[in-house]
Amino acid sequence: MSVPQPHQPNDEEARRREAEAAMRQRVLQVVLDSQARQRLMNIRLVKPELATAVENYLISAASSGRINRPLTDEELKQLLLRIQQPKKDFKIERR
């Protein structure tokens, strides 16, 4: 009589997440130059949701063939400006 092991699905889930993270890192190494990768890592520290959105965009663009060379830091900056939500500008008028 075997006893079900509750840790087995967690182990499989952890392995799957690790494999997915490794695959994401390999793709990002191909589509970003070293300075752009460093910028994305810095952004991840401050705004992890923005970094994830940029990574998802880059991975989908690379898999569909829209990116065929490593992006530079300047190109990543332009991409960040497009993806980032526009900041609301408040204007206060005094009378």
Protein backbone atom coordinates (compact mmCIF):
# COMPACT_ATOMS: atom_id res chain seq x y z
CA MET A 1 0.00 0.00 0.00
CA SER A 2 1.59 3.26 -1.07
CA VAL A 3 1.11 6.52 0.73
CA PRO A 4 0.65 9.57 -1.54
CA GLN A 5 3.47 12.04 -1.16
CA PRO A 6 2.21 15.62 -1.03
CA HIS A 7 5.64 17.08 -1.87
CA GLN A 8 5.90 15.44 -5.27
CA PRO A 9 3.63 17.91 -7.19
CA ASN A 10 5.43 20.83 -5.54
CA ASP A 11 8.76 19.43 -6.67
CA GLU A 12 7.49 19.04 -10.21
CA GLU A 13 6.03 22.55 -10.15
CA ALA A 14 9.30 23.96 -8.86
CA ARG A 15 11.25 22.14 -11.58
CA ARG A 16 8.87 23.44 -14.23
CA ARG A 17 9.23 27.02 -12.97
CA GLU A 18 13.03 26.70 -12.87
CA ALA A 19 13.10 25.34 -16.43
CA GLU A 20 10.84 28.16 -17.61
CA ALA A 21 13.02 30.78 -15.90
CA ALA A 22 16.15 29.27 -17.46
CA MET A 23 14.52 29.31 -20.90
CA ARG A 24 13.53 32.97 -20.44
CA GLN A 25 17.10 33.86 -19.48
CA ARG A 26 18.52 32.08 -22.54
CA VAL A 27 16.14 33.94 -24.85
CA LEU A 28 16.94 37.28 -23.20
CA GLN A 29 20.68 36.62 -23.59
CA VAL A 30 20.12 36.26 -27.33
CA VAL A 31 17.81 39.26 -27.85
CA LEU A 32 19.56 41.80 -25.54
CA ASP A 33 23.14 43.01 -25.46
CA SER A 34 24.94 43.09 -22.10
CA GLN A 35 24.08 46.73 -21.26
CA ALA A 36 20.41 46.20 -22.08
CA ARG A 37 20.33 43.02 -19.94
CA GLN A 38 21.85 44.98 -17.05
CA ARG A 39 19.23 47.71 -17.44
CA LEU A 40 16.44 45.11 -17.41
CA MET A 41 17.87 43.54 -14.23
CA ASN A 42 17.97 46.98 -12.57
CA ILE A 43 14.36 47.60 -13.60
CA ARG A 44 13.36 44.22 -12.14
CA LEU A 45 14.61 45.39 -8.74
CA VAL A 46 12.43 48.52 -8.82
CA LYS A 47 9.44 47.53 -10.96
CA PRO A 48 9.19 43.76 -11.34
CA GLU A 49 5.84 43.96 -13.18
CA LEU A 50 7.33 46.26 -15.84
CA ALA A 51 10.35 43.99 -16.27
CA THR A 52 8.07 40.98 -16.70
CA ALA A 53 5.98 42.82 -19.30
CA VAL A 54 9.12 43.78 -21.24
CA GLU A 55 10.45 40.21 -21.05
CA ASN A 56 7.14 38.80 -22.29
CA TYR A 57 7.13 41.26 -25.18
CA LEU A 58 10.74 40.46 -26.11
CA ILE A 59 10.19 36.70 -25.95
CA SER A 60 7.06 36.86 -28.10
CA ALA A 61 8.76 39.21 -30.59
CA ALA A 62 11.80 36.92 -30.81
CA SER A 63 9.68 33.80 -31.26
CA SER A 64 7.67 35.45 -34.06
CA GLY A 65 10.84 36.61 -35.83
CA ARG A 66 10.42 40.36 -35.29
CA ILE A 67 13.76 40.55 -33.45
CA ASN A 68 16.67 39.13 -35.41
CA ARG A 69 19.61 40.76 -33.61
CA PRO A 70 20.42 41.78 -30.02
CA LEU A 71 18.75 45.02 -28.95
CA THR A 72 20.99 47.79 -27.65
CA ASP A 73 20.46 49.72 -24.46
CA GLU A 74 19.03 52.68 -26.41
CA GLU A 75 16.54 50.44 -28.20
CA LEU A 76 15.49 48.95 -24.86
CA LYS A 77 14.95 52.47 -23.49
CA GLN A 78 12.62 53.23 -26.42
CA LEU A 79 10.74 49.99 -25.81
CA LEU A 80 10.38 50.84 -22.12
CA LEU A 81 8.92 54.22 -22.99
CA ARG A 82 6.33 52.56 -25.23
CA ILE A 83 5.38 49.83 -22.76
CA GLN A 84 5.39 51.92 -19.60
CA GLN A 85 2.07 53.41 -18.63
CA PRO A 86 1.95 57.16 -19.26
CA LYS A 87 2.22 59.16 -16.10
CA LYS A 88 -0.70 61.40 -15.26
CA ASP A 89 0.17 65.04 -15.37
CA PHE A 90 -1.51 67.13 -12.72
CA LYS A 91 -1.82 70.84 -13.17
CA ILE A 92 -2.85 72.97 -10.23
CA GLU A 93 -4.11 76.44 -10.90
CA ARG A 94 -4.29 78.98 -8.10
CA ARG A 95 -6.79 81.76 -8.22
